[in-house]
Amino acid sequence: MTRAATSALTLSEEIRQRFDEFSRSQKDVGQYIVDHLDDAAFQTAEELARRANTSSSTVVRFAQALGFEGFPELQQAARDEYRRSREGAAGMEALLAPPLFPIDQTEFEAALAADHTNMEDTARKIDRDEIAAAIDLISRAQRIVLCGTDQMAFFASYLRHLLMLLDLRSEVVASPSQEGLARLGRIDDKTLVIGFSAGRPHPLVVRALKLARHRKAKAIAISDATLSEVAKLADHRIYYSSNSPAYVRSHVALLSVIQALAYGVYALDESAYADRIKAFRLK
């Protein structure tokens, strides 16, 4: 297929439509472009590759798989789509907003500026219906299984701590240990599974969500990629932006999402939950 055959589609639309055709590494590139079009439109192939945790040659092959001659043509399509999306009044307001730091910002300032952008991007893409449904499921769940590996294990554990304060039963699965697999083995239709993902999802998290679907358990995916496999498997999806100029992903927006979810549950019945928190701290 050549690019001309799909010229009626925007770059993001075409990536979404053809996503399953790509290799695993090319999917990483596609996910990054769809979720960070404003950055991808102006990054070099090397910088985009670093942000997508792949190689610049993969970026070029991805562009060619879409029918472009090379990366510059793909980037021009990204710029065209980005500029069209900014033509409205809201876009003009955003463009006219004063910058946080001088143009010659330090690396420290660049990291802070990226976190600020991540928070804004996450807030813009939040789906109120998805959040309301997630909060309702958490508040009513008889048992909650939080699945996250590596860095995501910390955030799964933190959400467990916040839910424990509200006297909500939850467990963490952070590795394919015997204990972790046993917890997954007890998933049933009364269990709520929450999977955490950064970039390409860990096989254990994918397994947990597949098991939830098979056993008719409800599932929520918290991911920094809207096209992630865990997002496709879950009943409800919560996106957070993790873009960063540093050598690791930013987790500022993820932490905010977790705390906001817990507060949303608390706000359903503040007086009752306040008593539970008081009782928990007296234990």
Protein backbone atom coordinates (compact mmCIF):
# COMPACT_ATOMS: atom_id res chain seq x y z
CA MET A 1 0.00 0.00 0.00
CA THR A 2 1.33 3.44 -0.88
CA ARG A 3 0.74 6.60 1.07
CA ALA A 4 -1.30 8.00 -1.82
CA ALA A 5 -3.85 5.21 -1.39
CA THR A 6 -4.72 6.48 2.09
CA SER A 7 -4.16 10.23 1.63
CA ALA A 8 -7.66 11.00 2.95
CA LEU A 9 -6.56 9.82 6.41
CA THR A 10 -4.48 11.77 8.88
CA LEU A 11 -1.23 10.18 9.98
CA SER A 12 -2.71 9.21 13.37
CA GLU A 13 -5.82 7.71 11.76
CA GLU A 14 -3.75 5.60 9.40
CA ILE A 15 -1.52 4.34 12.20
CA ARG A 16 -4.57 3.34 14.23
CA GLN A 17 -6.18 1.57 11.28
CA ARG A 18 -3.06 -0.37 10.31
CA PHE A 19 -1.60 -0.87 13.79
CA ASP A 20 -1.91 -4.67 13.81
CA GLU A 21 0.17 -4.91 10.61
CA PHE A 22 3.33 -3.55 12.23
CA SER A 23 6.13 -5.40 14.00
CA ARG A 24 6.49 -5.06 17.76
CA SER A 25 9.19 -2.37 17.43
CA GLN A 26 7.21 -0.51 14.78
CA LYS A 27 4.17 -0.57 17.09
CA ASP A 28 6.29 1.20 19.72
CA VAL A 29 7.01 3.95 17.17
CA GLY A 30 3.36 4.16 16.10
CA GLN A 31 2.12 4.38 19.69
CA TYR A 32 4.55 7.17 20.45
CA ILE A 33 3.54 9.21 17.38
CA VAL A 34 -0.19 8.85 18.06
CA ASP A 35 0.13 9.85 21.72
CA HIS A 36 2.84 12.53 21.27
CA LEU A 37 2.16 13.98 17.83
CA ASP A 38 3.22 17.47 18.90
CA ASP A 39 6.69 16.17 19.84
CA ALA A 40 7.08 13.67 16.99
CA ALA A 41 6.36 16.42 14.47
CA PHE A 42 9.58 18.24 15.37
CA GLN A 43 11.98 15.57 16.64
CA THR A 44 14.79 13.98 14.67
CA ALA A 45 14.51 10.29 13.82
CA GLU A 46 17.16 9.57 16.46
CA GLU A 47 15.28 11.50 19.17
CA LEU A 48 11.95 9.89 18.29
CA ALA A 49 13.63 6.46 18.37
CA ARG A 50 15.04 7.15 21.83
CA ARG A 51 11.66 8.25 23.17
CA ALA A 52 10.01 5.13 21.67
CA ASN A 53 12.76 2.87 23.05
CA THR A 54 13.81 1.61 19.64
CA SER A 55 16.34 2.37 16.87
CA SER A 56 16.39 5.08 14.23
CA SER A 57 16.44 2.37 11.54
CA THR A 58 13.13 1.08 12.92
CA VAL A 59 11.70 4.60 12.66
CA VAL A 60 12.73 4.75 9.00
CA ARG A 61 11.29 1.30 8.29
CA PHE A 62 8.06 2.35 9.99
CA ALA A 63 7.83 5.40 7.73
CA GLN A 64 8.37 3.20 4.67
CA ALA A 65 5.77 0.69 5.89
CA LEU A 66 3.27 3.57 5.81
CA GLY A 67 4.18 4.33 2.20
CA PHE A 68 6.53 7.27 2.81
CA GLU A 69 9.88 7.48 1.06
CA GLY A 70 11.57 8.06 4.40
CA PHE A 71 11.35 9.75 7.80
CA PRO A 72 11.27 13.39 6.53
CA GLU A 73 8.04 12.68 4.63
CA LEU A 74 6.45 11.03 7.66
CA GLN A 75 7.49 13.99 9.80
CA GLN A 76 5.94 16.41 7.34
CA ALA A 77 2.64 14.50 7.59
CA ALA A 78 2.91 14.71 11.39
CA ARG A 79 3.52 18.48 11.17
CA ASP A 80 0.58 18.96 8.83
CA GLU A 81 -1.76 17.09 11.18
CA TYR A 82 -0.39 18.93 14.21
CA ARG A 83 -0.83 22.33 12.62
CA ARG A 84 -4.39 21.55 11.53
CA SER A 85 -5.21 20.49 15.08
CA ARG A 86 -3.89 23.80 16.41
CA GLU A 87 -5.86 26.06 14.09
CA GLY A 88 -8.78 26.52 16.49
CA ALA A 89 -9.08 29.24 19.11
CA ALA A 90 -8.01 26.91 21.92
CA GLY A 91 -4.87 26.07 20.00
CA MET A 92 -4.04 29.73 19.50
CA GLU A 93 -4.44 30.36 23.23
CA ALA A 94 -2.06 27.52 23.99
CA LEU A 95 0.48 28.83 21.48
CA LEU A 96 0.30 32.34 22.96
CA ALA A 97 0.80 31.14 26.56
CA PRO A 98 4.12 32.36 27.97
CA PRO A 99 6.83 29.68 28.29
CA LEU A 100 7.73 28.34 31.72
CA PHE A 101 11.45 28.83 31.20
CA PRO A 102 13.78 30.83 28.93
CA ILE A 103 14.56 29.41 25.50
CA ASP A 104 18.05 28.43 26.72
CA GLN A 105 16.62 26.25 29.49
CA THR A 106 18.86 23.92 31.44
CA GLU A 107 18.43 20.14 31.47
CA PHE A 108 16.78 20.44 34.87
CA GLU A 109 14.29 23.00 33.56
CA ALA A 110 13.65 20.90 30.44
CA ALA A 111 12.67 17.94 32.63
CA LEU A 112 10.32 20.10 34.70
CA ALA A 113 8.80 21.59 31.54
CA ALA A 114 8.21 18.10 30.16
CA ASP A 115 6.41 17.08 33.37
CA HIS A 116 4.23 20.18 33.12
CA THR A 117 3.34 19.22 29.54
CA ASN A 118 2.64 15.63 30.63
CA MET A 119 0.14 16.82 33.21
CA GLU A 120 -1.62 19.03 30.66
CA ASP A 121 -1.67 16.29 28.02
CA THR A 122 -3.05 13.77 30.51
CA ALA A 123 -5.75 16.18 31.68
CA ARG A 124 -6.82 16.96 28.10
CA LYS A 125 -7.15 13.28 27.18
CA ILE A 126 -9.00 12.14 30.30
CA ASP A 127 -12.39 10.61 29.49
CA ARG A 128 -14.86 11.55 32.24
CA ASP A 129 -17.07 8.54 31.59
CA GLU A 130 -14.12 6.15 31.83
CA ILE A 131 -12.96 7.75 35.08
CA ALA A 132 -16.45 7.65 36.60
CA ALA A 133 -16.81 4.00 35.65
CA ALA A 134 -13.38 3.15 37.08
CA ILE A 135 -14.13 4.90 40.38
CA ASP A 136 -17.47 3.12 40.65
CA LEU A 137 -15.86 -0.28 40.00
CA ILE A 138 -13.14 0.33 42.59
CA SER A 139 -15.64 1.44 45.24
CA ARG A 140 -17.84 -1.65 44.74
CA ALA A 141 -15.18 -4.33 44.17
CA GLN A 142 -15.10 -7.23 46.62
CA ARG A 143 -11.48 -7.92 45.68
CA ILE A 144 -8.98 -5.85 43.71
CA VAL A 145 -5.85 -7.24 42.04
CA LEU A 146 -3.27 -4.62 41.05
CA CYS A 147 -0.77 -5.91 38.51
CA GLY A 148 2.42 -4.03 37.65
CA THR A 149 6.03 -5.09 37.21
CA ASP A 150 9.38 -3.32 37.56
CA GLN A 151 8.78 0.44 38.06
CA MET A 152 5.02 -0.09 37.75
CA ALA A 153 5.13 -2.34 40.84
CA PHE A 154 5.78 0.76 42.95
CA PHE A 155 2.69 2.52 41.62
CA ALA A 156 0.56 -0.61 42.05
CA SER A 157 1.73 -0.78 45.67
CA TYR A 158 1.03 2.92 46.20
CA LEU A 159 -2.54 2.57 44.92
CA ARG A 160 -2.94 -0.45 47.21
CA HIS A 161 -1.84 1.72 50.15
CA LEU A 162 -4.37 4.42 49.26
CA LEU A 163 -7.17 1.84 48.91
CA MET A 164 -6.23 0.15 52.18
CA LEU A 165 -6.75 3.49 53.93
CA LEU A 166 -10.31 3.34 52.59
CA ASP A 167 -10.65 -0.23 53.88
CA LEU A 168 -10.83 -1.66 50.34
CA ARG A 169 -9.31 -5.11 49.95
CA SER A 170 -6.56 -5.15 47.34
CA GLU A 171 -3.52 -7.26 46.44
CA VAL A 172 -0.45 -6.61 44.29
CA VAL A 173 1.00 -8.96 41.70
CA ALA A 174 4.47 -7.67 40.79
CA SER A 175 6.24 -10.78 39.51
CA PRO A 176 5.50 -14.29 38.19
CA SER A 177 6.33 -15.78 41.59
CA GLN A 178 4.37 -18.67 43.01
CA GLU A 179 2.49 -16.28 45.29
CA GLY A 180 1.78 -13.84 42.45
CA LEU A 181 0.49 -16.56 40.12
CA ALA A 182 -1.67 -17.91 42.93
CA ARG A 183 -3.29 -14.49 43.30
CA LEU A 184 -3.99 -14.41 39.58
CA GLY A 185 -5.39 -17.93 39.84
CA ARG A 186 -8.06 -16.69 42.26
CA ILE A 187 -9.44 -14.12 39.81
CA ASP A 188 -13.19 -14.59 39.37
CA ASP A 189 -16.20 -12.53 38.28
CA LYS A 190 -16.18 -10.67 41.63
CA THR A 191 -12.59 -9.48 41.14
CA LEU A 192 -11.47 -6.16 39.69
CA VAL A 193 -8.11 -6.31 37.90
CA ILE A 194 -6.11 -3.10 37.41
CA GLY A 195 -3.13 -3.39 35.08
CA PHE A 196 -0.29 -0.84 34.99
CA SER A 197 1.77 -0.39 31.85
CA ALA A 198 4.59 1.87 30.63
CA GLY A 199 5.53 1.45 27.01
CA ARG A 200 5.40 -2.15 25.82
CA PRO A 201 3.37 -4.03 28.48
CA HIS A 202 4.98 -6.80 30.49
CA PRO A 203 3.70 -10.30 29.58
CA LEU A 204 2.52 -10.80 33.18
CA VAL A 205 0.21 -7.77 32.98
CA VAL A 206 -1.14 -8.94 29.60
CA ARG A 207 -1.71 -12.38 31.11
CA ALA A 208 -3.61 -10.91 34.06
CA LEU A 209 -5.96 -8.95 31.79
CA LYS A 210 -6.51 -11.91 29.48
CA LEU A 211 -7.37 -14.03 32.50
CA ALA A 212 -9.77 -11.35 33.72
CA ARG A 213 -11.55 -11.35 30.38
CA HIS A 214 -11.73 -15.16 30.31
CA ARG A 215 -13.21 -15.30 33.82
CA LYS A 216 -15.57 -12.37 33.25
CA ALA A 217 -13.82 -10.12 35.76
CA LYS A 218 -13.85 -6.37 35.19
CA ALA A 219 -10.51 -4.81 34.23
CA ILE A 220 -9.00 -1.32 34.13
CA ALA A 221 -5.83 -0.48 32.20
CA ILE A 222 -3.66 2.45 33.30
CA SER A 223 -1.23 2.98 30.43
CA ASP A 224 0.89 5.60 28.68
CA ALA A 225 -0.01 4.19 25.25
CA THR A 226 -3.56 4.40 23.93
CA LEU A 227 -2.83 1.59 21.46
CA SER A 228 -1.30 -0.70 24.09
CA GLU A 229 -2.41 -4.35 24.22
CA VAL A 230 -3.53 -3.92 27.83
CA ALA A 231 -5.78 -1.02 26.78
CA LYS A 232 -7.44 -3.27 24.21
CA LEU A 233 -8.04 -6.03 26.76
CA ALA A 234 -9.49 -3.83 29.51
CA ASP A 235 -13.09 -2.74 30.02
CA HIS A 236 -11.94 0.77 30.92
CA ARG A 237 -8.78 2.66 29.98
CA ILE A 238 -7.01 5.53 31.70
CA TYR A 239 -4.24 7.24 29.75
CA TYR A 240 -1.31 9.16 31.22
CA SER A 241 1.50 10.93 29.37
CA SER A 242 5.07 9.90 30.26
CA ASN A 243 7.16 11.86 27.76
CA SER A 244 10.56 12.95 29.06
CA PRO A 245 13.88 14.31 27.77
CA ALA A 246 15.61 12.22 30.44
CA TYR A 247 16.84 8.61 30.24
CA VAL A 248 13.71 7.32 32.03
CA ARG A 249 9.99 7.88 31.50
CA SER A 250 8.23 10.55 33.51
CA HIS A 251 5.80 9.22 36.12
CA VAL A 252 4.49 12.54 37.42
CA ALA A 253 1.16 12.26 35.58
CA LEU A 254 0.77 8.60 36.59
CA LEU A 255 1.19 9.47 40.26
CA SER A 256 -1.39 12.24 39.90
CA VAL A 257 -3.85 9.89 38.18
CA ILE A 258 -3.50 7.32 40.98
CA GLN A 259 -4.07 9.89 43.71
CA ALA A 260 -7.02 11.40 41.83
CA LEU A 261 -8.62 7.95 41.43
CA ALA A 262 -8.33 7.27 45.15
CA TYR A 263 -9.72 10.72 45.97
CA GLY A 264 -12.60 10.08 43.58
CA VAL A 265 -13.50 6.95 45.55
CA TYR A 266 -13.16 8.83 48.85
CA ALA A 267 -15.43 11.64 47.59
CA LEU A 268 -18.30 9.19 47.00
CA ASP A 269 -18.89 9.14 50.76
CA GLU A 270 -16.42 11.35 52.57
CA SER A 271 -17.81 10.91 56.09
CA ALA A 272 -17.85 7.10 55.91
CA TYR A 273 -14.38 6.91 54.41
CA ALA A 274 -13.03 9.44 56.90
CA ASP A 275 -14.10 7.12 59.71
CA ARG A 276 -12.43 4.17 57.98
CA ILE A 277 -9.18 6.09 57.61
CA LYS A 278 -9.28 7.06 61.28
CA ALA A 279 -9.89 3.45 62.30
CA PHE A 280 -7.09 2.20 60.04
CA ARG A 281 -4.58 4.60 61.55
CA LEU A 282 -5.53 3.50 65.06
CA LYS A 283 -4.75 -0.16 64.31
